[in-house]
Structure formats: C-alpha cells, structure tokens
Protein backbone atom coordinates (compact mmCIF):
# COMPACT_ATOMS: atom_id res chain seq x y z
CA UNK A 1 26.51 14.32 0.03
CA UNK A 2 25.75 10.77 1.24
CA UNK A 3 22.13 10.00 2.17
CA UNK A 4 21.59 6.75 4.11
CA UNK A 5 18.60 4.62 3.14
CA UNK A 6 17.03 1.29 4.10
CA UNK A 7 15.08 -1.13 1.95
CA UNK A 8 12.27 -2.91 3.77
CA UNK A 9 10.03 -5.71 2.53
CA UNK A 10 6.65 -4.72 4.00
CA UNK A 11 3.87 -7.20 4.78
CA UNK A 12 6.35 -10.08 4.91
CA UNK A 13 8.41 -11.75 7.63
CA UNK A 14 11.00 -13.00 5.14
CA UNK A 15 13.08 -11.36 2.41
CA UNK A 16 12.04 -11.25 -1.25
CA UNK A 17 8.31 -11.22 -0.49
CA UNK A 18 5.75 -8.60 0.41
CA UNK A 19 6.18 -5.12 -1.05
CA UNK A 20 9.61 -3.46 -1.06
CA UNK A 21 10.01 0.19 -0.13
CA UNK A 22 13.00 2.50 0.29
CA UNK A 23 13.03 4.72 3.38
CA UNK A 24 15.05 7.91 3.86
CA UNK A 25 15.17 9.58 7.28
CA UNK A 26 16.10 13.17 6.49
CA UNK A 27 17.16 16.06 8.72
CA UNK A 28 15.38 18.48 6.38
CA UNK A 29 13.39 18.27 3.18
CA UNK A 30 15.07 17.97 -0.19
CA UNK A 31 13.71 19.69 -3.28
CA UNK A 32 10.65 17.91 -4.63
CA UNK A 33 12.35 17.35 -7.98
CA UNK A 34 15.32 15.71 -6.27
CA UNK A 35 13.11 13.38 -4.22
CA UNK A 36 11.34 12.40 -7.43
CA UNK A 37 14.68 11.68 -9.12
CA UNK A 38 15.75 9.56 -6.16
CA UNK A 39 12.53 7.55 -6.32
CA UNK A 40 13.02 7.04 -10.06
CA UNK A 41 16.58 5.86 -9.41
CA UNK A 42 15.42 3.22 -6.93
CA UNK A 43 12.57 2.26 -9.28
CA UNK A 44 10.43 0.58 -6.62
CA UNK A 45 6.71 1.08 -6.11
CA UNK A 46 7.41 3.67 -3.41
CA UNK A 47 10.26 5.57 -1.85
CA UNK A 48 9.34 7.22 1.46
CA UNK A 49 10.94 10.31 2.99
CA UNK A 50 10.42 11.20 6.65
CA UNK A 51 11.41 14.33 8.60
CA UNK A 52 10.83 14.89 12.33
CA UNK A 53 8.30 17.64 13.05
CA UNK A 54 7.68 18.11 16.77
CA UNK A 55 6.59 14.83 18.33
CA UNK A 56 5.58 13.32 14.98
CA UNK A 57 7.16 12.59 11.60
CA UNK A 58 6.11 14.19 8.35
CA UNK A 59 5.98 11.51 5.64
CA UNK A 60 5.86 11.72 1.84
CA UNK A 61 5.77 8.95 -0.75
CA UNK A 62 6.99 8.87 -4.35
CA UNK A 63 6.54 6.28 -7.09
CA UNK A 64 9.12 6.30 -9.91
CA UNK A 65 6.97 8.87 -11.72
CA UNK A 66 4.89 10.84 -9.20
CA UNK A 67 4.17 11.73 -5.58
CA UNK A 68 1.14 9.95 -4.10
CA UNK A 69 -1.25 11.12 -1.36
CA UNK A 70 -1.29 7.90 0.69
CA UNK A 71 0.79 4.72 0.83
CA UNK A 72 0.41 1.93 3.35
CA UNK A 73 3.32 -0.40 2.73
CA UNK A 74 5.90 2.42 2.67
CA UNK A 75 4.44 3.77 5.93
CA UNK A 76 4.83 0.34 7.49
CA UNK A 77 8.38 0.22 6.11
CA UNK A 78 9.14 3.70 7.47
CA UNK A 79 7.99 2.73 10.96
CA UNK A 80 10.09 -0.44 10.82
CA UNK A 81 13.15 1.57 9.75
CA UNK A 82 12.60 4.15 12.51
CA UNK A 83 12.12 1.48 15.18
CA UNK A 84 14.80 -0.99 14.12
CA UNK A 85 17.42 1.07 12.26
CA UNK A 86 17.19 4.48 13.93
CA UNK A 87 16.33 3.43 17.50
CA UNK A 88 13.00 5.24 17.80
CA UNK A 89 11.70 4.63 21.35
CA UNK A 90 8.19 3.69 22.39
CA UNK A 91 5.54 1.46 20.90
CA UNK A 92 3.93 3.93 18.48
CA UNK A 93 5.06 6.33 15.79
CA UNK A 94 2.83 9.19 14.68
CA UNK A 95 3.00 10.44 11.11
CA UNK A 96 1.57 13.56 9.51
CA UNK A 97 0.77 13.59 5.81
CA UNK A 98 -0.99 15.85 3.33
CA UNK A 99 -4.49 14.77 4.41
CA UNK A 100 -4.07 14.38 8.17
CA UNK A 101 -2.56 11.98 10.68
CA UNK A 102 -1.53 8.31 10.65
CA UNK A 103 0.12 6.07 13.21
CA UNK A 104 1.93 2.75 13.38
CA UNK A 105 2.05 0.69 16.58
CA UNK A 106 4.07 -2.34 17.61
CA UNK A 107 1.88 -5.25 18.70
CA UNK A 108 3.80 -8.48 19.38
CA UNK A 109 5.79 -9.24 16.21
CA UNK A 110 3.60 -7.17 13.90
CA UNK A 111 3.20 -3.52 13.07
CA UNK A 112 -0.31 -2.05 12.93
CA UNK A 113 -1.25 0.83 10.65
CA UNK A 114 -4.06 3.18 11.74
CA UNK A 115 -5.43 4.58 8.48
CA UNK A 116 -8.57 6.40 7.30
CA UNK A 117 -11.49 4.29 6.11
CA UNK A 118 -12.60 4.78 2.48
CA UNK A 119 -16.08 3.33 2.05
CA UNK A 120 -16.62 2.33 -1.61
CA UNK A 121 -19.86 3.11 -3.46
CA UNK A 122 -21.42 0.75 -6.04
CA UNK A 123 -21.46 2.07 -9.62
CA UNK A 124 -22.31 0.73 -13.06
CA UNK A 125 -19.54 -1.23 -14.71
CA UNK A 126 -17.45 1.18 -16.84
CA UNK A 127 -17.74 0.46 -20.54
CA UNK A 128 -15.05 -1.92 -21.75
CA UNK A 129 -13.82 -2.86 -18.26
CA UNK A 130 -14.42 -6.60 -18.73
CA UNK A 131 -12.39 -6.54 -21.95
CA UNK A 132 -9.59 -4.57 -20.25
CA UNK A 133 -9.39 -7.07 -17.39
CA UNK A 134 -10.14 -10.21 -19.37
CA UNK A 135 -12.55 -11.07 -16.54
CA UNK A 136 -16.24 -10.38 -15.95
CA UNK A 137 -16.87 -8.21 -12.85
CA UNK A 138 -19.69 -9.21 -10.53
CA UNK A 139 -19.59 -5.79 -8.83
CA UNK A 140 -17.78 -2.47 -9.36
CA UNK A 141 -17.40 0.23 -6.72
CA UNK A 142 -16.10 3.77 -6.79
CA UNK A 143 -13.48 4.92 -4.26
CA UNK A 144 -10.11 6.67 -4.44
CA UNK A 145 -9.13 3.49 -6.32
CA UNK A 146 -11.61 1.56 -8.48
CA UNK A 147 -12.72 -1.64 -6.73
CA UNK A 148 -13.68 -4.57 -8.96
CA UNK A 149 -15.12 -7.76 -7.46
CA UNK A 150 -14.53 -11.00 -9.38
CA UNK A 151 -16.24 -14.35 -8.99
CA UNK A 152 -13.39 -16.33 -7.40
CA UNK A 153 -9.84 -16.38 -6.07
CA UNK A 154 -8.86 -18.25 -9.24
CA UNK A 155 -10.20 -15.39 -11.39
CA UNK A 156 -8.11 -12.88 -9.41
CA UNK A 157 -4.99 -15.02 -9.84
CA UNK A 158 -5.61 -15.49 -13.59
CA UNK A 159 -6.25 -11.81 -14.36
CA UNK A 160 -3.89 -10.36 -16.99
CA UNK A 161 -5.21 -6.86 -17.68
CA UNK A 162 -4.41 -4.62 -20.60
CA UNK A 163 -2.23 -2.21 -18.65
CA UNK A 164 -2.13 0.45 -21.35
CA UNK A 165 -5.93 0.58 -21.41
CA UNK A 166 -6.12 0.38 -17.63
CA UNK A 167 -3.95 3.49 -17.33
CA UNK A 168 -6.56 5.47 -19.30
CA UNK A 169 -9.30 4.91 -16.71
CA UNK A 170 -10.13 7.91 -14.45
CA UNK A 171 -8.74 6.25 -11.31
CA UNK A 172 -5.08 6.12 -10.24
CA UNK A 173 -5.33 2.39 -9.54
CA UNK A 174 -7.65 -0.58 -9.97
CA UNK A 175 -8.14 -3.20 -7.25
CA UNK A 176 -9.48 -6.63 -8.15
CA UNK A 177 -10.75 -8.80 -5.32
CA UNK A 178 -12.69 -11.96 -4.47
CA UNK A 179 -13.60 -14.05 -1.47
CA UNK A 180 -10.60 -16.09 -0.40
CA UNK A 181 -10.16 -19.80 0.14
CA UNK A 182 -7.71 -19.88 3.07
CA UNK A 183 -8.14 -16.17 3.98
CA UNK A 184 -11.25 -14.01 4.06
CA UNK A 185 -10.43 -12.16 0.82
CA UNK A 186 -7.72 -11.85 -1.80
CA UNK A 187 -6.80 -8.97 -4.04
CA UNK A 188 -4.40 -7.57 -6.60
CA UNK A 189 -3.67 -3.92 -7.39
CA UNK A 190 -2.74 -2.36 -10.74
CA UNK A 191 -1.59 1.26 -11.01
CA UNK A 192 0.08 1.85 -14.40
CA UNK A 193 -1.25 5.43 -14.40
CA UNK A 194 1.22 6.29 -11.62
CA UNK A 195 4.10 4.16 -12.87
CA UNK A 196 3.34 0.87 -11.08
CA UNK A 197 2.12 -1.95 -13.34
CA UNK A 198 1.24 -4.12 -10.34
CA UNK A 199 1.78 -3.26 -6.68
CA UNK A 200 2.50 -6.45 -4.71
CA UNK A 201 0.84 -5.50 -1.37
CA UNK A 202 -1.03 -2.20 -1.11
CA UNK A 203 -1.92 -0.90 2.35
CA UNK A 204 -4.05 1.99 1.03
CA UNK A 205 -6.14 -0.44 -1.03
CA UNK A 206 -7.16 -2.15 2.21
CA UNK A 207 -8.69 1.12 3.42
CA UNK A 208 -11.25 0.34 0.70
CA UNK A 209 -11.24 -3.46 0.82
CA UNK A 210 -11.75 -3.71 4.59
CA UNK A 211 -15.09 -1.86 4.82
CA UNK A 212 -16.36 -3.67 1.70
CA UNK A 213 -15.56 -7.17 2.96
CA UNK A 214 -16.58 -6.36 6.53
CA UNK A 215 -20.03 -5.57 5.18
CA UNK A 216 -20.12 -8.59 2.86
CA UNK A 217 -18.98 -11.06 5.52
CA UNK A 218 -20.76 -9.43 8.45
CA UNK A 219 -17.76 -9.00 10.77
CA UNK A 220 -15.11 -6.34 11.31
CA UNK A 221 -11.97 -8.51 11.62
CA UNK A 222 -10.59 -10.02 8.43
CA UNK A 223 -7.57 -11.85 7.06
CA UNK A 224 -6.29 -11.04 3.61
CA UNK A 225 -3.69 -11.89 1.00
CA UNK A 226 -2.62 -9.65 -1.87
CA UNK A 227 -0.26 -10.53 -4.62
CA UNK A 228 0.62 -11.81 -8.06
CA UNK A 229 4.23 -12.95 -8.54
CA UNK A 230 5.04 -11.85 -4.97
CA UNK A 231 2.65 -10.91 -2.23
CA UNK A 232 1.93 -10.79 1.47
CA UNK A 233 -0.57 -11.38 4.26
CA UNK A 234 -2.50 -8.66 6.08
CA UNK A 235 -4.81 -8.66 9.09
CA UNK A 236 -7.45 -5.94 8.86
CA UNK A 237 -10.23 -4.67 11.06
CA UNK A 238 -12.75 -1.89 10.88
CA UNK A 239 -12.69 0.55 13.80
CA UNK A 240 -15.28 3.28 13.32
CA UNK A 241 -14.01 5.70 10.71
CA UNK A 242 -10.55 4.09 10.76
CA UNK A 243 -9.05 0.91 9.40
CA UNK A 244 -6.36 -1.04 11.24
CA UNK A 245 -4.00 -3.01 9.01
CA UNK A 246 -1.40 -5.30 10.56
CA UNK A 247 1.57 -6.99 8.96
CA UNK A 248 5.21 -7.92 9.30
CA UNK A 249 8.24 -6.11 7.90
CA UNK A 250 11.78 -7.22 7.14
CA UNK A 251 14.95 -5.19 6.54
CA UNK A 252 16.67 -6.50 3.40
CA UNK A 253 19.36 -3.91 2.63
CA UNK A 254 20.90 -0.62 3.73
CA UNK A 255 23.12 1.77 1.86
CA UNK A 256 23.98 5.31 0.93
CA UNK A 257 22.99 7.43 -2.02
CA UNK A 258 25.80 9.75 -3.12
CA UNK A 259 24.80 13.09 -4.58
C-alpha cells in the first residue's frame, strides 16, 4: 500500500534550513504503532499525520520515539503541504488536536500559526542545571518545557549540554534563550527525552518564549531566531491568550512509503 508524503523545511524560505518535517495526508487513521514506526523510519524531529474531520483537519505528531501533544513546525509544514501540494482552498486551515483547536493562515508569503499561549513561571534553578548546560542561568522558568535564560546570544550559541543528563530532568524539553543582537531574542531547544537531541526551530517553544520576551521587552511583537547547526527566523506576537507565530516553509521532497 503506497502512502504519499511530503517533506517540508519549516521556518525557512530555502531548502536545507529551518526544521524539516514529514507530512502524510491520510484518508483514515492508521494504527498508532504503525504511525510510530513510520516516524521512526523517517527519523526526523516530527512526522505529522492529518485526516479531514468535517471542516477541519485532525492532526497528530510523532517524533522517532513518541507521540507529542503539540508541535509548531510540523503544523506549519502540514498547512504548507495542504495548500501547495493538495490544493486546499482558502486562506486558512483549521486543525483539531488533543488539547483543542489550532489554525494556520496565509499572510503574504508567510504562514501564521495561531497557538495557545503558555506563560512561564519563575522557579529556583534546579540543582546541577548549570553543570548540565555548561552555562550559568540568569533565570529559570517552569512551563510545559523548561525555559532557561542565559546572559547573551554568544552563550546560547556556545552551549553544549550533557544530553544524557538533560534527558533525566522532569521536562520533555529544555529551551535556552537570550536577548538577540539582530533580532529581539534567540533560542535553542533540546529534547533528548523524546528522541530529539536538538530541535532546529520549535514552534511550540515560542508559545513560552513569546509571553516571556513580550514582558521583558515591553511590547507584544517580536522577531526571533532559533537554531544551532541549522535554524530559522520567526515573527511572533502576543494576542490575548494566544500566540501568533509566522514563518516561511519550503517543499524539499515528495515520495511514497510502501507498506
């Protein structure tokens, strides 16, 4: 049984940058174990599966090792695939996921995610965190992912964490961030606990980063860059209890999986 798929580089307007995701548009759901095997076969940060349900699309995301509750870049990639590869009409695609509703809109040459806001809460620095990161945090905040603020963009770029130790922390991922030099803020995201040593550009992390930096900088609209060896630019703004995250997407390959 052939299953068509598309690989999209999200948060990039050129190939081989941003965050790659595989997108499958299915007529009906596959077994969970099969979707997990498919994601492991592709071995990218996320493989997204979408199925039409009424006027919206149900979306699910899998890393090579587990299903996740929310993923930004693979949602952006899914919208791009539906618009550009499957001829979806209109300027907005609505998605349903395990915790509610999401949407992606076309605005000029960018796609805009409408995601839930996740306001982080300051906490004491977990014991041993500085040693794990090889950097001294200036602030640590609790959220669905641990948010760690470093002193500079250079410190974020230089960070080489102990990934084995990082995976033992009680958060699925750790975000490191600092005020940017040519953008408002920079970040990197490490998620070895869910099979991703470093995620190049993480939309869900910006649900946390946007309210934090909006408060720190005193304005709701922000520019951002995330990445280590590869990365991408994002434009974020706080809108009440929602976060808007804009970026580009680029189709890099299409194919068929044969089962």
